């Protein structure tokens, strides 16, 4: 009888294996889904009382959610779709958003990105944004395009690069947040911001909202005490709270979706 032990997997191999399982599960749903009632979350967490209490309170203000595929890119994809969709209902903000988007190549080059690395992703993002005035009368086409892997993933990568460039440019401000990880901002960006499929946290959200001047409100579902979900606000400029309505996302451990207020 052999006494040889199976070789232990390295941390990297374990991460790859876990990612493969996640990817297989993620393939079962579209990149961006149709809207659905927030009551669907009640069914999803029917056995989780702390979550249910928070969902029931949220449902007083919010009526619908839009799910995004849980492939590690859900924050960037949810942000992009919510941003583009917000322009459809507030078309007077189109020009300001277009002007800001057109500044991102300069930001990327200042952050050390070569044009060859980002230009295809930028071109797709710009093209889709410039189509928004036509989408006002046909908003379903926005969803159709975001369900296309070629288009949707290009937009995700452009936004990942934008967030990374912002963090690299402002490394002195954000590197202290990485003391416990004992890595530089450049290493963090390469591993956790630019890498397709890596989940996002506060630094990525802060960077993207500030780079594009778009506020975001994230409602956090967790198992903590209390009946109300925590709300984290990300405002690029605190003085403009009365001028801009934030994009609203809902977060539960490891995943972001889009959240809609009741009419």
C-alpha atoms as a PDB file:
ATOM      1  CA  UNK A   1       0.000   0.000   0.000  1.00  0.00           C
ATOM      2  CA  UNK A   2       1.391   3.380  -1.016  1.00  0.00           C
ATOM      3  CA  UNK A   3       2.180   5.778   1.786  1.00  0.00           C
ATOM      4  CA  UNK A   4       2.712   8.672  -0.565  1.00  0.00           C
ATOM      5  CA  UNK A   5       0.551  11.673   0.238  1.00  0.00           C
ATOM      6  CA  UNK A   6      -1.244  13.698  -2.356  1.00  0.00           C
ATOM      7  CA  UNK A   7       0.733  16.880  -3.015  1.00  0.00           C
ATOM      8  CA  UNK A   8      -0.770  19.894  -1.257  1.00  0.00           C
ATOM      9  CA  UNK A   9      -2.151  22.639  -3.452  1.00  0.00           C
ATOM     10  CA  UNK A  10      -0.440  26.000  -3.324  1.00  0.00           C
ATOM     11  CA  UNK A  11      -2.442  29.092  -2.373  1.00  0.00           C
ATOM     12  CA  UNK A  12      -2.337  30.164  -6.005  1.00  0.00           C
ATOM     13  CA  UNK A  13      -3.696  26.810  -7.197  1.00  0.00           C
ATOM     14  CA  UNK A  14      -6.496  26.967  -4.625  1.00  0.00           C
ATOM     15  CA  UNK A  15      -7.444  30.462  -5.819  1.00  0.00           C
ATOM     16  CA  UNK A  16      -7.478  29.280  -9.434  1.00  0.00           C
ATOM     17  CA  UNK A  17      -9.658  26.303  -8.497  1.00  0.00           C
ATOM     18  CA  UNK A  18     -12.087  28.474  -6.539  1.00  0.00           C
ATOM     19  CA  UNK A  19     -12.247  30.949  -9.425  1.00  0.00           C
ATOM     20  CA  UNK A  20     -13.060  28.147 -11.876  1.00  0.00           C
ATOM     21  CA  UNK A  21     -16.001  27.063  -9.702  1.00  0.00           C
ATOM     22  CA  UNK A  22     -17.180  30.672  -9.423  1.00  0.00           C
ATOM     23  CA  UNK A  23     -16.913  31.153 -13.179  1.00  0.00           C
ATOM     24  CA  UNK A  24     -18.917  28.005 -13.874  1.00  0.00           C
ATOM     25  CA  UNK A  25     -21.717  29.177 -11.581  1.00  0.00           C
ATOM     26  CA  UNK A  26     -21.597  32.704 -12.961  1.00  0.00           C
ATOM     27  CA  UNK A  27     -22.114  31.502 -16.529  1.00  0.00           C
ATOM     28  CA  UNK A  28     -25.648  30.490 -15.591  1.00  0.00           C
ATOM     29  CA  UNK A  29     -26.923  34.081 -15.487  1.00  0.00           C
ATOM     30  CA  UNK A  30     -26.554  37.015 -17.928  1.00  0.00           C
ATOM     31  CA  UNK A  31     -23.837  39.615 -17.429  1.00  0.00           C
ATOM     32  CA  UNK A  32     -26.613  42.093 -16.589  1.00  0.00           C
ATOM     33  CA  UNK A  33     -30.161  40.924 -15.905  1.00  0.00           C
ATOM     34  CA  UNK A  34     -33.640  42.353 -16.276  1.00  0.00           C
ATOM     35  CA  UNK A  35     -34.983  44.259 -13.288  1.00  0.00           C
ATOM     36  CA  UNK A  36     -36.806  42.214 -10.677  1.00  0.00           C
ATOM     37  CA  UNK A  37     -38.745  43.009  -7.486  1.00  0.00           C
ATOM     38  CA  UNK A  38     -36.647  43.386  -4.366  1.00  0.00           C
ATOM     39  CA  UNK A  39     -38.926  40.709  -2.899  1.00  0.00           C
ATOM     40  CA  UNK A  40     -36.760  38.197  -4.783  1.00  0.00           C
ATOM     41  CA  UNK A  41     -34.107  38.820  -2.148  1.00  0.00           C
ATOM     42  CA  UNK A  42     -36.572  37.613   0.491  1.00  0.00           C
ATOM     43  CA  UNK A  43     -36.684  34.246  -1.251  1.00  0.00           C
ATOM     44  CA  UNK A  44     -32.908  34.197  -1.655  1.00  0.00           C
ATOM     45  CA  UNK A  45     -32.295  34.763   2.048  1.00  0.00           C
ATOM     46  CA  UNK A  46     -35.393  33.054   3.452  1.00  0.00           C
ATOM     47  CA  UNK A  47     -33.288  31.258   6.076  1.00  0.00           C
ATOM     48  CA  UNK A  48     -31.237  34.277   7.113  1.00  0.00           C
ATOM     49  CA  UNK A  49     -33.157  36.341   9.653  1.00  0.00           C
ATOM     50  CA  UNK A  50     -30.631  39.208  10.010  1.00  0.00           C
ATOM     51  CA  UNK A  51     -30.672  39.679   6.228  1.00  0.00           C
ATOM     52  CA  UNK A  52     -34.469  39.414   6.043  1.00  0.00           C
ATOM     53  CA  UNK A  53     -34.979  42.150   8.622  1.00  0.00           C
ATOM     54  CA  UNK A  54     -32.750  44.487   6.637  1.00  0.00           C
ATOM     55  CA  UNK A  55     -34.365  43.572   3.307  1.00  0.00           C
ATOM     56  CA  UNK A  56     -37.851  44.203   4.693  1.00  0.00           C
ATOM     57  CA  UNK A  57     -36.789  47.680   5.804  1.00  0.00           C
ATOM     58  CA  UNK A  58     -35.064  48.369   2.483  1.00  0.00           C
ATOM     59  CA  UNK A  59     -38.212  47.423   0.586  1.00  0.00           C
ATOM     60  CA  UNK A  60     -39.997  50.447   2.055  1.00  0.00           C
ATOM     61  CA  UNK A  61     -37.750  52.737  -0.002  1.00  0.00           C
ATOM     62  CA  UNK A  62     -36.438  50.482  -2.771  1.00  0.00           C
ATOM     63  CA  UNK A  63     -38.655  48.435  -5.033  1.00  0.00           C
ATOM     64  CA  UNK A  64     -36.397  46.757  -7.580  1.00  0.00           C
ATOM     65  CA  UNK A  65     -32.947  45.317  -8.086  1.00  0.00           C
ATOM     66  CA  UNK A  66     -30.973  44.441 -11.201  1.00  0.00           C
ATOM     67  CA  UNK A  67     -28.565  41.567 -10.813  1.00  0.00           C
ATOM     68  CA  UNK A  68     -25.140  41.417 -12.416  1.00  0.00           C
ATOM     69  CA  UNK A  69     -23.163  38.246 -12.994  1.00  0.00           C
ATOM     70  CA  UNK A  70     -21.106  37.236  -9.971  1.00  0.00           C
ATOM     71  CA  UNK A  71     -17.861  36.860 -11.861  1.00  0.00           C
ATOM     72  CA  UNK A  72     -15.688  39.174  -9.764  1.00  0.00           C
ATOM     73  CA  UNK A  73     -16.450  42.118 -12.043  1.00  0.00           C
ATOM     74  CA  UNK A  74     -19.875  42.879 -10.597  1.00  0.00           C
ATOM     75  CA  UNK A  75     -18.937  46.232  -9.034  1.00  0.00           C
ATOM     76  CA  UNK A  76     -17.483  47.676 -12.240  1.00  0.00           C
ATOM     77  CA  UNK A  77     -20.275  46.222 -14.381  1.00  0.00           C
ATOM     78  CA  UNK A  78     -23.017  47.431 -12.038  1.00  0.00           C
ATOM     79  CA  UNK A  79     -21.401  50.872 -11.837  1.00  0.00           C
ATOM     80  CA  UNK A  80     -21.134  51.144 -15.629  1.00  0.00           C
ATOM     81  CA  UNK A  81     -24.690  50.039 -16.337  1.00  0.00           C
ATOM     82  CA  UNK A  82     -26.155  52.211 -13.569  1.00  0.00           C
ATOM     83  CA  UNK A  83     -24.147  55.192 -14.850  1.00  0.00           C
ATOM     84  CA  UNK A  84     -25.225  54.784 -18.469  1.00  0.00           C
ATOM     85  CA  UNK A  85     -28.819  54.094 -17.432  1.00  0.00           C
ATOM     86  CA  UNK A  86     -28.889  57.210 -15.247  1.00  0.00           C
ATOM     87  CA  UNK A  87     -28.049  59.297 -18.311  1.00  0.00           C
ATOM     88  CA  UNK A  88     -31.109  57.926 -20.125  1.00  0.00           C
ATOM     89  CA  UNK A  89     -33.380  59.360 -17.430  1.00  0.00           C
ATOM     90  CA  UNK A  90     -31.354  62.565 -17.045  1.00  0.00           C
ATOM     91  CA  UNK A  91     -30.094  63.290 -20.550  1.00  0.00           C
ATOM     92  CA  UNK A  92     -29.060  66.840 -19.671  1.00  0.00           C
ATOM     93  CA  UNK A  93     -26.092  65.277 -17.861  1.00  0.00           C
ATOM     94  CA  UNK A  94     -24.940  63.551 -21.043  1.00  0.00           C
ATOM     95  CA  UNK A  95     -22.490  66.245 -22.140  1.00  0.00           C
ATOM     96  CA  UNK A  96     -20.824  66.512 -18.729  1.00  0.00           C
ATOM     97  CA  UNK A  97     -20.367  62.743 -18.598  1.00  0.00           C
ATOM     98  CA  UNK A  98     -19.023  62.657 -22.141  1.00  0.00           C
ATOM     99  CA  UNK A  99     -16.502  65.379 -21.364  1.00  0.00           C
ATOM    100  CA  UNK A 100     -15.310  63.495 -18.271  1.00  0.00           C
ATOM    101  CA  UNK A 101     -15.063  60.208 -20.173  1.00  0.00           C
ATOM    102  CA  UNK A 102     -12.949  61.889 -22.847  1.00  0.00           C
ATOM    103  CA  UNK A 103     -10.417  62.936 -20.190  1.00  0.00           C
ATOM    104  CA  UNK A 104      -9.730  59.339 -19.168  1.00  0.00           C
ATOM    105  CA  UNK A 105      -7.023  58.662 -21.797  1.00  0.00           C
ATOM    106  CA  UNK A 106      -4.970  61.508 -20.303  1.00  0.00           C
ATOM    107  CA  UNK A 107      -5.542  60.056 -16.824  1.00  0.00           C
ATOM    108  CA  UNK A 108      -4.443  56.614 -18.008  1.00  0.00           C
ATOM    109  CA  UNK A 109      -1.261  57.891 -19.603  1.00  0.00           C
ATOM    110  CA  UNK A 110      -0.448  59.908 -16.500  1.00  0.00           C
ATOM    111  CA  UNK A 111      -0.970  56.696 -14.522  1.00  0.00           C
ATOM    112  CA  UNK A 112       1.584  54.875 -16.660  1.00  0.00           C
ATOM    113  CA  UNK A 113      -0.653  53.045 -19.140  1.00  0.00           C
ATOM    114  CA  UNK A 114       0.427  52.722 -22.742  1.00  0.00           C
ATOM    115  CA  UNK A 115      -2.129  53.667 -25.401  1.00  0.00           C
ATOM    116  CA  UNK A 116      -1.857  50.211 -26.949  1.00  0.00           C
ATOM    117  CA  UNK A 117      -3.054  48.678 -23.659  1.00  0.00           C
ATOM    118  CA  UNK A 118      -6.186  50.750 -23.195  1.00  0.00           C
ATOM    119  CA  UNK A 119      -7.297  52.193 -26.553  1.00  0.00           C
ATOM    120  CA  UNK A 120      -9.582  49.311 -27.613  1.00  0.00           C
ATOM    121  CA  UNK A 121     -11.376  49.296 -24.245  1.00  0.00           C
ATOM    122  CA  UNK A 122     -11.706  53.074 -24.307  1.00  0.00           C
ATOM    123  CA  UNK A 123     -13.044  53.100 -27.866  1.00  0.00           C
ATOM    124  CA  UNK A 124     -15.812  50.629 -26.991  1.00  0.00           C
ATOM    125  CA  UNK A 125     -16.761  52.550 -23.838  1.00  0.00           C
ATOM    126  CA  UNK A 126     -16.847  55.869 -25.675  1.00  0.00           C
ATOM    127  CA  UNK A 127     -18.847  54.413 -28.556  1.00  0.00           C
ATOM    128  CA  UNK A 128     -21.463  52.972 -26.192  1.00  0.00           C
ATOM    129  CA  UNK A 129     -21.697  56.207 -24.247  1.00  0.00           C
ATOM    130  CA  UNK A 130     -22.142  58.244 -27.426  1.00  0.00           C
ATOM    131  CA  UNK A 131     -25.089  56.012 -28.375  1.00  0.00           C
ATOM    132  CA  UNK A 132     -27.009  56.965 -25.221  1.00  0.00           C
ATOM    133  CA  UNK A 133     -29.067  59.789 -26.808  1.00  0.00           C
ATOM    134  CA  UNK A 134     -30.416  57.179 -29.247  1.00  0.00           C
ATOM    135  CA  UNK A 135     -31.175  54.794 -26.387  1.00  0.00           C
ATOM    136  CA  UNK A 136     -33.619  57.186 -24.698  1.00  0.00           C
ATOM    137  CA  UNK A 137     -36.378  55.954 -27.004  1.00  0.00           C
ATOM    138  CA  UNK A 138     -35.113  52.354 -26.953  1.00  0.00           C
ATOM    139  CA  UNK A 139     -33.592  51.669 -23.515  1.00  0.00           C
ATOM    140  CA  UNK A 140     -33.718  47.908 -23.999  1.00  0.00           C
ATOM    141  CA  UNK A 141     -30.757  48.193 -26.371  1.00  0.00           C
ATOM    142  CA  UNK A 142     -28.589  49.341 -23.468  1.00  0.00           C
ATOM    143  CA  UNK A 143     -29.273  46.046 -21.716  1.00  0.00           C
ATOM    144  CA  UNK A 144     -28.718  44.074 -24.928  1.00  0.00           C
ATOM    145  CA  UNK A 145     -25.284  45.622 -25.379  1.00  0.00           C
ATOM    146  CA  UNK A 146     -24.314  45.082 -21.750  1.00  0.00           C
ATOM    147  CA  UNK A 147     -25.213  41.418 -22.162  1.00  0.00           C
ATOM    148  CA  UNK A 148     -22.628  41.163 -24.948  1.00  0.00           C
ATOM    149  CA  UNK A 149     -19.365  39.889 -23.484  1.00  0.00           C
ATOM    150  CA  UNK A 150     -17.264  41.767 -26.021  1.00  0.00           C
ATOM    151  CA  UNK A 151     -18.881  45.121 -25.230  1.00  0.00           C
ATOM    152  CA  UNK A 152     -19.576  44.653 -21.535  1.00  0.00           C
ATOM    153  CA  UNK A 153     -16.138  43.287 -20.656  1.00  0.00           C
ATOM    154  CA  UNK A 154     -14.383  46.046 -22.613  1.00  0.00           C
ATOM    155  CA  UNK A 155     -16.243  48.658 -20.542  1.00  0.00           C
ATOM    156  CA  UNK A 156     -15.345  46.793 -17.345  1.00  0.00           C
ATOM    157  CA  UNK A 157     -11.667  46.783 -18.308  1.00  0.00           C
ATOM    158  CA  UNK A 158     -11.672  50.461 -19.172  1.00  0.00           C
ATOM    159  CA  UNK A 159     -13.143  51.325 -15.783  1.00  0.00           C
ATOM    160  CA  UNK A 160     -10.662  49.020 -14.047  1.00  0.00           C
ATOM    161  CA  UNK A 161      -7.798  50.844 -15.748  1.00  0.00           C
ATOM    162  CA  UNK A 162      -9.292  54.231 -14.833  1.00  0.00           C
ATOM    163  CA  UNK A 163      -9.541  53.246 -11.154  1.00  0.00           C
ATOM    164  CA  UNK A 164      -6.007  51.861 -11.227  1.00  0.00           C
ATOM    165  CA  UNK A 165      -4.571  54.979 -12.857  1.00  0.00           C
ATOM    166  CA  UNK A 166      -6.268  57.178 -10.256  1.00  0.00           C
ATOM    167  CA  UNK A 167      -4.821  55.130  -7.382  1.00  0.00           C
ATOM    168  CA  UNK A 168      -1.334  55.085  -8.922  1.00  0.00           C
ATOM    169  CA  UNK A 169      -1.378  58.855  -9.465  1.00  0.00           C
ATOM    170  CA  UNK A 170      -2.543  59.431  -5.871  1.00  0.00           C
ATOM    171  CA  UNK A 171      -0.410  56.690  -4.328  1.00  0.00           C
ATOM    172  CA  UNK A 172       0.772  58.904  -1.466  1.00  0.00           C
ATOM    173  CA  UNK A 173      -2.829  59.276  -0.315  1.00  0.00           C
ATOM    174  CA  UNK A 174      -3.916  55.656  -0.655  1.00  0.00           C
ATOM    175  CA  UNK A 175      -0.808  53.535   0.005  1.00  0.00           C
ATOM    176  CA  UNK A 176      -1.165  53.922   3.802  1.00  0.00           C
ATOM    177  CA  UNK A 177      -4.400  51.893   3.529  1.00  0.00           C
ATOM    178  CA  UNK A 178      -2.294  48.926   2.391  1.00  0.00           C
ATOM    179  CA  UNK A 179       0.019  48.767   5.409  1.00  0.00           C
ATOM    180  CA  UNK A 180      -1.465  45.512   6.704  1.00  0.00           C
ATOM    181  CA  UNK A 181      -1.199  43.888   3.250  1.00  0.00           C
ATOM    182  CA  UNK A 182       2.455  44.974   3.069  1.00  0.00           C
ATOM    183  CA  UNK A 183       2.223  45.712  -0.655  1.00  0.00           C
ATOM    184  CA  UNK A 184       2.719  48.862  -2.689  1.00  0.00           C
ATOM    185  CA  UNK A 185      -0.087  50.657  -4.490  1.00  0.00           C
ATOM    186  CA  UNK A 186       1.395  49.448  -7.798  1.00  0.00           C
ATOM    187  CA  UNK A 187       1.245  45.826  -6.636  1.00  0.00           C
ATOM    188  CA  UNK A 188      -2.294  46.307  -5.318  1.00  0.00           C
ATOM    189  CA  UNK A 189      -3.441  47.793  -8.616  1.00  0.00           C
ATOM    190  CA  UNK A 190      -1.848  45.032 -10.679  1.00  0.00           C
ATOM    191  CA  UNK A 191      -3.328  42.253  -8.549  1.00  0.00           C
ATOM    192  CA  UNK A 192      -6.697  43.621  -7.445  1.00  0.00           C
ATOM    193  CA  UNK A 193      -7.773  46.477  -9.709  1.00  0.00           C
ATOM    194  CA  UNK A 194      -6.535  45.770 -13.235  1.00  0.00           C
ATOM    195  CA  UNK A 195      -6.962  41.991 -13.025  1.00  0.00           C
ATOM    196  CA  UNK A 196     -10.196  40.895 -14.700  1.00  0.00           C
ATOM    197  CA  UNK A 197     -12.445  38.959 -12.335  1.00  0.00           C
ATOM    198  CA  UNK A 198     -10.999  40.245  -9.058  1.00  0.00           C
ATOM    199  CA  UNK A 199     -13.534  41.489  -6.533  1.00  0.00           C
ATOM    200  CA  UNK A 200     -13.672  45.141  -5.512  1.00  0.00           C
ATOM    201  CA  UNK A 201     -13.713  46.945  -2.193  1.00  0.00           C
ATOM    202  CA  UNK A 202     -13.567  50.483  -0.871  1.00  0.00           C
ATOM    203  CA  UNK A 203     -10.378  51.591  -2.633  1.00  0.00           C
ATOM    204  CA  UNK A 204     -11.667  50.657  -6.068  1.00  0.00           C
ATOM    205  CA  UNK A 205     -14.972  52.437  -5.375  1.00  0.00           C
ATOM    206  CA  UNK A 206     -13.290  55.570  -4.058  1.00  0.00           C
ATOM    207  CA  UNK A 207     -10.928  55.714  -7.026  1.00  0.00           C
ATOM    208  CA  UNK A 208     -13.594  55.270  -9.695  1.00  0.00           C
ATOM    209  CA  UNK A 209     -16.065  57.721  -8.186  1.00  0.00           C
ATOM    210  CA  UNK A 210     -13.366  60.375  -7.896  1.00  0.00           C
ATOM    211  CA  UNK A 211     -11.846  59.743 -11.307  1.00  0.00           C
ATOM    212  CA  UNK A 212     -15.222  60.091 -13.047  1.00  0.00           C
ATOM    213  CA  UNK A 213     -16.836  62.505 -10.568  1.00  0.00           C
ATOM    214  CA  UNK A 214     -19.802  60.170 -10.077  1.00  0.00           C
ATOM    215  CA  UNK A 215     -21.211  59.635  -6.564  1.00  0.00           C
ATOM    216  CA  UNK A 216     -22.185  56.147  -5.434  1.00  0.00           C
ATOM    217  CA  UNK A 217     -24.211  54.921  -2.498  1.00  0.00           C
ATOM    218  CA  UNK A 218     -23.677  51.304  -1.463  1.00  0.00           C
ATOM    219  CA  UNK A 219     -26.219  49.594   0.793  1.00  0.00           C
ATOM    220  CA  UNK A 220     -24.526  46.757   2.672  1.00  0.00           C
ATOM    221  CA  UNK A 221     -26.452  43.641   3.630  1.00  0.00           C
ATOM    222  CA  UNK A 222     -24.751  41.705   6.390  1.00  0.00           C
ATOM    223  CA  UNK A 223     -25.523  39.534   9.369  1.00  0.00           C
ATOM    224  CA  UNK A 224     -24.875  42.217  11.946  1.00  0.00           C
ATOM    225  CA  UNK A 225     -27.282  43.311  14.650  1.00  0.00           C
ATOM    226  CA  UNK A 226     -29.981  45.823  13.900  1.00  0.00           C
ATOM    227  CA  UNK A 227     -32.787  46.069  11.382  1.00  0.00           C
ATOM    228  CA  UNK A 228     -31.240  48.590   9.013  1.00  0.00           C
ATOM    229  CA  UNK A 229     -28.598  47.921   6.383  1.00  0.00           C
ATOM    230  CA  UNK A 230     -25.483  50.072   6.599  1.00  0.00           C
ATOM    231  CA  UNK A 231     -25.186  52.771   3.954  1.00  0.00           C
ATOM    232  CA  UNK A 232     -21.760  53.814   2.656  1.00  0.00           C
ATOM    233  CA  UNK A 233     -21.637  57.019   0.649  1.00  0.00           C
ATOM    234  CA  UNK A 234     -18.857  57.761  -1.827  1.00  0.00           C
ATOM    235  CA  UNK A 235     -19.003  61.423  -2.807  1.00  0.00           C
ATOM    236  CA  UNK A 236     -16.226  62.830  -5.014  1.00  0.00           C
ATOM    237  CA  UNK A 237     -17.217  66.310  -3.822  1.00  0.00           C
ATOM    238  CA  UNK A 238     -19.152  66.670  -0.568  1.00  0.00           C
ATOM    239  CA  UNK A 239     -20.251  70.173  -1.550  1.00  0.00           C
ATOM    240  CA  UNK A 240     -22.284  68.866  -4.507  1.00  0.00           C
ATOM    241  CA  UNK A 241     -24.589  66.531  -2.598  1.00  0.00           C
ATOM    242  CA  UNK A 242     -27.600  68.636  -3.491  1.00  0.00           C
ATOM    243  CA  UNK A 243     -26.718  68.667  -7.199  1.00  0.00           C
ATOM    244  CA  UNK A 244     -26.055  65.026  -8.019  1.00  0.00           C
ATOM    245  CA  UNK A 245     -28.082  61.901  -7.364  1.00  0.00           C
ATOM    246  CA  UNK A 246     -25.799  58.955  -6.574  1.00  0.00           C
ATOM    247  CA  UNK A 247     -25.820  55.611  -8.324  1.00  0.00           C
ATOM    248  CA  UNK A 248     -27.200  53.070  -5.870  1.00  0.00           C
ATOM    249  CA  UNK A 249     -25.769  49.584  -5.481  1.00  0.00           C
ATOM    250  CA  UNK A 250     -26.628  46.839  -3.033  1.00  0.00           C
ATOM    251  CA  UNK A 251     -23.838  44.678  -1.623  1.00  0.00           C
ATOM    252  CA  UNK A 252     -23.888  41.364   0.134  1.00  0.00           C
ATOM    253  CA  UNK A 253     -20.678  39.475   0.892  1.00  0.00           C
ATOM    254  CA  UNK A 254     -18.691  39.262  -2.330  1.00  0.00           C
ATOM    255  CA  UNK A 255     -21.301  40.710  -4.687  1.00  0.00           C
ATOM    256  CA  UNK A 256     -22.788  43.979  -5.996  1.00  0.00           C
ATOM    257  CA  UNK A 257     -26.096  44.541  -7.797  1.00  0.00           C
ATOM    258  CA  UNK A 258     -28.017  47.681  -8.806  1.00  0.00           C
ATOM    259  CA  UNK A 259     -30.759  49.027  -6.541  1.00  0.00           C
ATOM    260  CA  UNK A 260     -33.697  51.221  -7.568  1.00  0.00           C
ATOM    261  CA  UNK A 261     -35.801  53.540  -5.456  1.00  0.00           C
ATOM    262  CA  UNK A 262     -39.574  53.252  -5.523  1.00  0.00           C
ATOM    263  CA  UNK A 263     -41.253  55.869  -7.766  1.00  0.00           C
END
